[in-house]
Amino acid sequence: MALSLNGGGNSSSSRRRGGHSSLSEINVTPFVDVVLVLLIIFMLTAHVMEFGIEVDVPKTRYVRDTAQEMPQVIITRDGLLYLNSQETNINALKTSIRQRFGKAKGVYLRADKDAVFDVIAPVMAELSEGGYQVNVVTKPLDTADLPRK
């Protein structure tokens, strides 16, 4: 493979005349390598970026939208209790909320629809006893789920 500079002229004769030219092309190979490595890293870690605990909450007809930042208490169908994705105990729930969230006035309670109410009721009582407003998280019904008249 041949590479010509200065219009294909003899490079040795141009150097003798004092007309030294440099190669002014940009080498894009390192750039392409870095982009491909970043693409591979993104493809491998994209599924990890989905975080949280999967809870199937019950559906209701009306759900009020809110944008308040409050702690989330999550109860799984197995009866495990989480405070914002960290497992906790019902006895340490009030102190954990005070330590991590300071003076939060309310709490979101997300309970799986298959969770036993015997687990949900003591958690609600404990939060109410701690002076927190308990907001139960539900999922709105789709229009396809509503009965037709």
N, C-alpha and C. Protein backbone atom coordinates (compact mmCIF):
# COMPACT_ATOMS: atom_id res chain seq x y z
N MET A 1 0.84 -1.17 0.00
CA MET A 1 0.00 0.00 0.00
C MET A 1 0.89 1.23 0.00
N ALA A 2 0.57 2.17 -0.83
CA ALA A 2 1.41 3.35 -0.99
C ALA A 2 0.71 4.57 -0.43
N LEU A 3 1.49 5.50 0.10
CA LEU A 3 0.99 6.74 0.63
C LEU A 3 1.77 7.86 -0.02
N SER A 4 1.09 8.79 -0.61
CA SER A 4 1.80 9.88 -1.29
C SER A 4 1.45 11.20 -0.63
N LEU A 5 2.46 12.06 -0.52
CA LEU A 5 2.30 13.39 0.02
C LEU A 5 2.74 14.40 -1.03
N ASN A 6 2.29 15.62 -0.93
CA ASN A 6 2.66 16.70 -1.85
C ASN A 6 2.29 16.38 -3.27
N GLY A 7 1.13 15.89 -3.47
CA GLY A 7 0.65 15.66 -4.82
C GLY A 7 1.33 14.53 -5.55
N GLY A 8 1.89 13.60 -4.85
CA GLY A 8 2.51 12.45 -5.48
C GLY A 8 3.94 12.68 -5.91
N GLY A 9 4.51 13.80 -5.54
CA GLY A 9 5.90 14.07 -5.93
C GLY A 9 6.86 13.24 -5.13
N ASN A 10 8.09 13.25 -5.52
CA ASN A 10 9.14 12.49 -4.86
C ASN A 10 9.44 13.15 -3.53
N SER A 11 9.31 12.43 -2.45
CA SER A 11 9.50 13.01 -1.13
C SER A 11 10.95 13.36 -0.87
N SER A 12 11.87 12.64 -1.44
CA SER A 12 13.28 12.95 -1.18
C SER A 12 13.68 14.25 -1.86
N SER A 13 13.12 14.54 -3.03
CA SER A 13 13.49 15.78 -3.70
C SER A 13 12.85 16.98 -3.02
N SER A 14 11.65 16.82 -2.41
CA SER A 14 11.02 17.95 -1.73
C SER A 14 11.73 18.26 -0.42
N ARG A 15 12.30 17.28 0.21
CA ARG A 15 13.05 17.54 1.45
C ARG A 15 14.33 18.30 1.13
N ARG A 16 14.92 18.02 0.00
CA ARG A 16 16.15 18.72 -0.36
C ARG A 16 15.86 20.19 -0.64
N ARG A 17 14.70 20.48 -1.16
CA ARG A 17 14.36 21.86 -1.48
C ARG A 17 13.92 22.63 -0.23
N GLY A 18 13.74 21.96 0.90
CA GLY A 18 13.39 22.66 2.12
C GLY A 18 11.89 22.73 2.37
N GLY A 19 11.08 22.19 1.53
CA GLY A 19 9.64 22.21 1.71
C GLY A 19 9.18 20.99 2.50
N HIS A 20 9.33 21.00 3.79
CA HIS A 20 8.95 19.87 4.64
C HIS A 20 7.47 19.98 4.99
N SER A 21 6.71 18.96 4.70
CA SER A 21 5.29 18.98 5.04
C SER A 21 5.00 17.86 6.03
N SER A 22 4.02 18.10 6.89
CA SER A 22 3.68 17.08 7.88
C SER A 22 2.34 16.45 7.50
N LEU A 23 2.14 15.29 8.03
CA LEU A 23 0.89 14.57 7.79
C LEU A 23 -0.19 15.22 8.66
N SER A 24 -1.22 15.78 8.06
CA SER A 24 -2.23 16.53 8.82
C SER A 24 -3.56 15.78 8.89
N GLU A 25 -3.53 14.49 8.91
CA GLU A 25 -4.73 13.71 9.04
C GLU A 25 -4.93 13.32 10.50
N ILE A 26 -6.17 13.24 10.94
CA ILE A 26 -6.48 12.85 12.31
C ILE A 26 -6.68 11.34 12.35
N ASN A 27 -6.02 10.72 13.30
CA ASN A 27 -6.14 9.28 13.47
C ASN A 27 -7.37 9.01 14.35
N VAL A 28 -8.42 8.42 13.78
CA VAL A 28 -9.66 8.20 14.52
C VAL A 28 -9.72 6.81 15.16
N THR A 29 -8.72 6.01 14.97
CA THR A 29 -8.74 4.65 15.52
C THR A 29 -8.84 4.63 17.04
N PRO A 30 -8.06 5.45 17.79
CA PRO A 30 -8.24 5.44 19.25
C PRO A 30 -9.63 5.91 19.68
N PHE A 31 -10.18 6.88 18.96
CA PHE A 31 -11.52 7.36 19.27
C PHE A 31 -12.56 6.26 19.09
N VAL A 32 -12.47 5.53 17.99
CA VAL A 32 -13.39 4.43 17.72
C VAL A 32 -13.24 3.34 18.77
N ASP A 33 -12.00 3.05 19.18
CA ASP A 33 -11.77 2.05 20.23
C ASP A 33 -12.44 2.44 21.54
N VAL A 34 -12.29 3.69 21.93
CA VAL A 34 -12.89 4.15 23.19
C VAL A 34 -14.41 4.10 23.10
N VAL A 35 -14.97 4.51 21.99
CA VAL A 35 -16.42 4.49 21.83
C VAL A 35 -16.95 3.06 21.88
N LEU A 36 -16.28 2.13 21.26
CA LEU A 36 -16.73 0.74 21.29
C LEU A 36 -16.63 0.15 22.69
N VAL A 37 -15.58 0.49 23.42
CA VAL A 37 -15.46 -0.01 24.79
C VAL A 37 -16.58 0.57 25.66
N LEU A 38 -16.88 1.86 25.51
CA LEU A 38 -17.97 2.46 26.27
C LEU A 38 -19.31 1.84 25.90
N LEU A 39 -19.51 1.52 24.64
CA LEU A 39 -20.75 0.88 24.21
C LEU A 39 -20.90 -0.50 24.85
N ILE A 40 -19.82 -1.25 24.88
CA ILE A 40 -19.87 -2.58 25.49
C ILE A 40 -20.14 -2.47 26.99
N ILE A 41 -19.50 -1.52 27.66
CA ILE A 41 -19.74 -1.33 29.09
C ILE A 41 -21.20 -0.96 29.33
N PHE A 42 -21.74 -0.06 28.52
CA PHE A 42 -23.14 0.33 28.67
C PHE A 42 -24.07 -0.85 28.44
N MET A 43 -23.79 -1.66 27.45
CA MET A 43 -24.64 -2.81 27.16
C MET A 43 -24.62 -3.83 28.30
N LEU A 44 -23.47 -3.99 28.94
CA LEU A 44 -23.37 -4.96 30.03
C LEU A 44 -24.00 -4.45 31.32
N THR A 45 -23.99 -3.13 31.54
CA THR A 45 -24.48 -2.60 32.81
C THR A 45 -25.87 -1.98 32.71
N ALA A 46 -26.49 -1.98 31.55
CA ALA A 46 -27.80 -1.33 31.39
C ALA A 46 -28.87 -2.02 32.24
N HIS A 47 -28.83 -3.33 32.33
CA HIS A 47 -29.86 -4.03 33.11
C HIS A 47 -29.67 -3.85 34.61
N VAL A 48 -28.47 -3.47 35.04
CA VAL A 48 -28.21 -3.27 36.46
C VAL A 48 -28.76 -1.92 36.93
N MET A 49 -28.94 -0.98 36.00
CA MET A 49 -29.39 0.36 36.37
C MET A 49 -30.84 0.37 36.85
N GLU A 50 -31.59 -0.65 36.57
CA GLU A 50 -32.95 -0.74 37.10
C GLU A 50 -32.84 -1.20 38.54
N PHE A 51 -33.21 -0.31 39.45
CA PHE A 51 -33.06 -0.64 40.86
C PHE A 51 -34.41 -0.63 41.53
N GLY A 52 -34.44 -1.16 42.71
CA GLY A 52 -35.67 -1.16 43.48
C GLY A 52 -36.16 -2.57 43.74
N ILE A 53 -37.24 -2.63 44.47
CA ILE A 53 -37.84 -3.91 44.83
C ILE A 53 -39.14 -4.02 44.07
N GLU A 54 -39.35 -5.13 43.43
CA GLU A 54 -40.55 -5.34 42.62
C GLU A 54 -41.71 -5.69 43.54
N VAL A 55 -42.69 -4.79 43.62
CA VAL A 55 -43.87 -4.99 44.45
C VAL A 55 -45.09 -4.77 43.58
N ASP A 56 -45.99 -5.72 43.59
CA ASP A 56 -47.23 -5.64 42.81
C ASP A 56 -48.31 -5.04 43.71
N VAL A 57 -48.50 -3.71 43.59
CA VAL A 57 -49.45 -3.02 44.46
C VAL A 57 -50.87 -3.18 43.92
N PRO A 58 -51.87 -3.10 44.80
CA PRO A 58 -53.26 -3.25 44.34
C PRO A 58 -53.70 -2.07 43.47
N LYS A 59 -54.72 -2.31 42.64
CA LYS A 59 -55.23 -1.28 41.74
C LYS A 59 -56.49 -0.66 42.34
N THR A 60 -56.64 0.65 42.14
CA THR A 60 -57.83 1.37 42.59
C THR A 60 -58.32 2.27 41.47
N ARG A 61 -59.53 2.81 41.64
CA ARG A 61 -60.11 3.67 40.60
C ARG A 61 -59.44 5.03 40.54
N TYR A 62 -59.08 5.62 41.66
CA TYR A 62 -58.54 6.96 41.67
C TYR A 62 -57.23 6.98 42.45
N VAL A 63 -56.21 7.53 41.84
CA VAL A 63 -54.92 7.69 42.49
C VAL A 63 -54.50 9.14 42.32
N ARG A 64 -54.24 9.82 43.43
CA ARG A 64 -53.82 11.22 43.37
C ARG A 64 -52.33 11.29 43.09
N ASP A 65 -51.95 12.09 42.12
CA ASP A 65 -50.54 12.27 41.80
C ASP A 65 -49.92 13.23 42.81
N THR A 66 -48.73 12.90 43.26
CA THR A 66 -48.02 13.76 44.19
C THR A 66 -46.53 13.70 43.88
N ALA A 67 -45.85 14.77 44.20
CA ALA A 67 -44.42 14.83 43.92
C ALA A 67 -43.61 15.05 45.19
N GLN A 68 -44.15 14.70 46.32
CA GLN A 68 -43.46 14.91 47.58
C GLN A 68 -42.37 13.86 47.75
N GLU A 69 -41.26 14.30 48.31
CA GLU A 69 -40.16 13.38 48.62
C GLU A 69 -40.36 12.88 50.05
N MET A 70 -40.72 11.62 50.17
CA MET A 70 -40.91 11.02 51.48
C MET A 70 -40.28 9.63 51.48
N PRO A 71 -39.96 9.13 52.66
CA PRO A 71 -39.43 7.76 52.73
C PRO A 71 -40.47 6.74 52.29
N GLN A 72 -39.99 5.63 51.74
CA GLN A 72 -40.86 4.55 51.31
C GLN A 72 -40.65 3.34 52.20
N VAL A 73 -41.73 2.85 52.76
CA VAL A 73 -41.70 1.60 53.51
C VAL A 73 -42.35 0.56 52.59
N ILE A 74 -41.60 -0.50 52.27
CA ILE A 74 -42.05 -1.49 51.30
C ILE A 74 -42.23 -2.83 52.01
N ILE A 75 -43.38 -3.46 51.77
CA ILE A 75 -43.65 -4.79 52.33
C ILE A 75 -43.83 -5.74 51.15
N THR A 76 -43.00 -6.78 51.09
CA THR A 76 -43.08 -7.75 50.00
C THR A 76 -44.13 -8.79 50.32
N ARG A 77 -44.42 -9.63 49.34
CA ARG A 77 -45.41 -10.69 49.57
C ARG A 77 -44.94 -11.71 50.59
N ASP A 78 -43.62 -11.80 50.79
CA ASP A 78 -43.06 -12.71 51.79
C ASP A 78 -43.10 -12.12 53.20
N GLY A 79 -43.50 -10.84 53.32
CA GLY A 79 -43.57 -10.20 54.63
C GLY A 79 -42.30 -9.49 55.02
N LEU A 80 -41.33 -9.36 54.10
CA LEU A 80 -40.10 -8.64 54.41
C LEU A 80 -40.38 -7.14 54.38
N LEU A 81 -39.70 -6.41 55.24
CA LEU A 81 -39.92 -4.98 55.39
C LEU A 81 -38.66 -4.23 54.95
N TYR A 82 -38.83 -3.24 54.07
CA TYR A 82 -37.72 -2.46 53.54
C TYR A 82 -38.00 -0.98 53.77
N LEU A 83 -36.96 -0.23 54.04
CA LEU A 83 -37.04 1.22 54.10
C LEU A 83 -36.14 1.75 52.99
N ASN A 84 -36.76 2.21 51.90
CA ASN A 84 -36.03 2.67 50.72
C ASN A 84 -34.96 1.68 50.29
N SER A 85 -35.33 0.48 50.01
CA SER A 85 -34.50 -0.61 49.48
C SER A 85 -33.49 -1.18 50.48
N GLN A 86 -33.54 -0.80 51.74
CA GLN A 86 -32.69 -1.41 52.76
C GLN A 86 -33.59 -2.16 53.73
N GLU A 87 -33.28 -3.43 53.92
CA GLU A 87 -34.12 -4.26 54.79
C GLU A 87 -34.04 -3.74 56.23
N THR A 88 -35.17 -3.74 56.89
CA THR A 88 -35.22 -3.23 58.25
C THR A 88 -36.17 -4.09 59.08
N ASN A 89 -36.23 -3.80 60.36
CA ASN A 89 -37.07 -4.52 61.30
C ASN A 89 -38.18 -3.57 61.75
N ILE A 90 -39.35 -4.10 62.06
CA ILE A 90 -40.48 -3.25 62.47
C ILE A 90 -40.16 -2.51 63.76
N ASN A 91 -39.36 -3.11 64.63
CA ASN A 91 -39.02 -2.46 65.90
C ASN A 91 -38.07 -1.29 65.71
N ALA A 92 -37.27 -1.30 64.65
CA ALA A 92 -36.31 -0.23 64.39
C ALA A 92 -36.80 0.73 63.32
N LEU A 93 -38.05 0.61 62.92
CA LEU A 93 -38.55 1.40 61.79
C LEU A 93 -38.60 2.89 62.10
N LYS A 94 -39.17 3.26 63.24
CA LYS A 94 -39.30 4.69 63.58
C LYS A 94 -37.93 5.35 63.75
N THR A 95 -37.02 4.68 64.43
CA THR A 95 -35.69 5.28 64.64
C THR A 95 -34.90 5.35 63.33
N SER A 96 -35.09 4.37 62.46
CA SER A 96 -34.40 4.41 61.17
C SER A 96 -34.89 5.57 60.32
N ILE A 97 -36.19 5.82 60.34
CA ILE A 97 -36.74 6.95 59.57
C ILE A 97 -36.22 8.27 60.12
N ARG A 98 -36.19 8.40 61.45
CA ARG A 98 -35.68 9.64 62.06
C ARG A 98 -34.21 9.85 61.75
N GLN A 99 -33.41 8.78 61.78
CA GLN A 99 -31.98 8.91 61.52
C GLN A 99 -31.69 9.25 60.07
N ARG A 100 -32.39 8.61 59.15
CA ARG A 100 -32.07 8.77 57.72
C ARG A 100 -32.77 9.95 57.07
N PHE A 101 -33.97 10.31 57.56
CA PHE A 101 -34.76 11.33 56.89
C PHE A 101 -35.08 12.54 57.75
N GLY A 102 -34.54 12.59 58.93
CA GLY A 102 -34.72 13.77 59.77
C GLY A 102 -36.16 13.97 60.20
N LYS A 103 -36.73 15.10 59.79
CA LYS A 103 -38.08 15.46 60.24
C LYS A 103 -39.11 15.19 59.15
N ALA A 104 -39.10 14.01 58.60
CA ALA A 104 -40.12 13.64 57.61
C ALA A 104 -41.47 13.54 58.31
N LYS A 105 -42.50 14.10 57.67
CA LYS A 105 -43.83 14.09 58.29
C LYS A 105 -44.71 12.97 57.77
N GLY A 106 -44.38 12.44 56.61
CA GLY A 106 -45.19 11.39 56.02
C GLY A 106 -44.33 10.27 55.47
N VAL A 107 -44.97 9.16 55.20
CA VAL A 107 -44.29 7.97 54.69
C VAL A 107 -45.17 7.33 53.63
N TYR A 108 -44.55 6.89 52.54
CA TYR A 108 -45.26 6.09 51.55
C TYR A 108 -45.18 4.63 51.96
N LEU A 109 -46.31 3.95 51.98
CA LEU A 109 -46.35 2.53 52.30
C LEU A 109 -46.73 1.76 51.04
N ARG A 110 -45.79 0.96 50.54
CA ARG A 110 -46.04 0.12 49.36
C ARG A 110 -46.06 -1.32 49.83
N ALA A 111 -47.21 -1.95 49.70
CA ALA A 111 -47.35 -3.34 50.10
C ALA A 111 -47.82 -4.15 48.90
N ASP A 112 -47.24 -5.32 48.73
CA ASP A 112 -47.65 -6.20 47.65
C ASP A 112 -49.11 -6.60 47.85
N LYS A 113 -49.84 -6.73 46.75
CA LYS A 113 -51.26 -7.05 46.89
C LYS A 113 -51.48 -8.45 47.45
N ASP A 114 -50.48 -9.32 47.37
CA ASP A 114 -50.58 -10.66 47.93
C ASP A 114 -50.02 -10.76 49.35
N ALA A 115 -49.56 -9.62 49.90
CA ALA A 115 -49.05 -9.63 51.27
C ALA A 115 -50.21 -9.81 52.25
N VAL A 116 -49.93 -10.49 53.33
CA VAL A 116 -50.94 -10.76 54.34
C VAL A 116 -51.17 -9.48 55.15
N PHE A 117 -52.44 -9.17 55.40
CA PHE A 117 -52.77 -7.96 56.13
C PHE A 117 -52.26 -8.00 57.57
N ASP A 118 -52.02 -9.19 58.09
CA ASP A 118 -51.47 -9.31 59.44
C ASP A 118 -50.06 -8.72 59.53
N VAL A 119 -49.39 -8.58 58.42
CA VAL A 119 -48.07 -7.94 58.40
C VAL A 119 -48.22 -6.44 58.16
N ILE A 120 -49.18 -6.04 57.34
CA ILE A 120 -49.35 -4.64 56.97
C ILE A 120 -49.90 -3.82 58.13
N ALA A 121 -50.87 -4.36 58.85
CA ALA A 121 -51.52 -3.62 59.92
C ALA A 121 -50.56 -3.18 61.03
N PRO A 122 -49.67 -4.05 61.54
CA PRO A 122 -48.74 -3.58 62.57
C PRO A 122 -47.77 -2.50 62.07
N VAL A 123 -47.40 -2.58 60.80
CA VAL A 123 -46.50 -1.57 60.25
C VAL A 123 -47.22 -0.22 60.19
N MET A 124 -48.48 -0.23 59.75
CA MET A 124 -49.25 1.01 59.71
C MET A 124 -49.44 1.57 61.12
N ALA A 125 -49.70 0.71 62.08
CA ALA A 125 -49.87 1.17 63.47
C ALA A 125 -48.57 1.74 64.02
N GLU A 126 -47.46 1.11 63.70
CA GLU A 126 -46.16 1.59 64.18
C GLU A 126 -45.82 2.95 63.58
N LEU A 127 -46.12 3.13 62.29
CA LEU A 127 -45.86 4.42 61.65
C LEU A 127 -46.78 5.51 62.20
N SER A 128 -48.04 5.18 62.42
CA SER A 128 -48.97 6.16 62.98
C SER A 128 -48.58 6.53 64.41
N GLU A 129 -48.12 5.55 65.16
CA GLU A 129 -47.68 5.80 66.53
C GLU A 129 -46.45 6.71 66.54
N GLY A 130 -45.63 6.62 65.50
CA GLY A 130 -44.45 7.47 65.39
C GLY A 130 -44.77 8.88 64.93
N GLY A 131 -46.03 9.15 64.61
CA GLY A 131 -46.43 10.49 64.22
C GLY A 131 -46.30 10.75 62.72
N TYR A 132 -46.21 9.71 61.94
CA TYR A 132 -46.08 9.86 60.49
C TYR A 132 -47.44 9.71 59.81
N GLN A 133 -47.65 10.51 58.78
CA GLN A 133 -48.84 10.36 57.94
C GLN A 133 -48.56 9.21 56.98
N VAL A 134 -49.39 8.20 56.98
CA VAL A 134 -49.19 7.01 56.16
C VAL A 134 -49.95 7.19 54.85
N ASN A 135 -49.22 7.20 53.74
CA ASN A 135 -49.80 7.30 52.40
C ASN A 135 -49.62 5.96 51.71
N VAL A 136 -50.71 5.28 51.43
CA VAL A 136 -50.65 3.95 50.81
C VAL A 136 -50.53 4.12 49.30
N VAL A 137 -49.54 3.46 48.71
CA VAL A 137 -49.29 3.54 47.28
C VAL A 137 -50.12 2.48 46.57
N THR A 138 -50.88 2.91 45.57
CA THR A 138 -51.66 1.99 44.75
C THR A 138 -51.41 2.29 43.29
N LYS A 139 -51.90 1.44 42.43
CA LYS A 139 -51.74 1.60 40.99
C LYS A 139 -53.10 1.92 40.39
N PRO A 140 -53.18 2.92 39.48
CA PRO A 140 -54.48 3.23 38.89
C PRO A 140 -54.93 2.13 37.95
N LEU A 141 -56.24 1.96 37.87
CA LEU A 141 -56.81 0.99 36.94
C LEU A 141 -56.65 1.49 35.51
N ASP A 142 -56.34 0.60 34.61
CA ASP A 142 -56.33 0.95 33.20
C ASP A 142 -57.77 1.05 32.73
N THR A 143 -57.99 1.83 31.69
CA THR A 143 -59.36 1.95 31.17
C THR A 143 -59.84 0.62 30.60
N ALA A 144 -58.93 -0.24 30.19
CA ALA A 144 -59.33 -1.55 29.67
C ALA A 144 -59.81 -2.46 30.79
N ASP A 145 -59.36 -2.20 32.03
CA ASP A 145 -59.75 -3.04 33.16
C ASP A 145 -61.12 -2.67 33.73
N LEU A 146 -61.61 -1.47 33.42
CA LEU A 146 -62.89 -1.03 33.98
C LEU A 146 -64.04 -1.78 33.33
N PRO A 147 -65.09 -2.10 34.10
CA PRO A 147 -66.24 -2.78 33.50
C PRO A 147 -67.01 -1.82 32.59
N ARG A 148 -67.50 -2.35 31.50
CA ARG A 148 -68.26 -1.53 30.54
C ARG A 148 -69.72 -1.52 30.92
N LYS A 149 -70.36 -0.38 30.70
CA LYS A 149 -71.77 -0.24 31.05
C LYS A 149 -72.63 -0.37 29.83
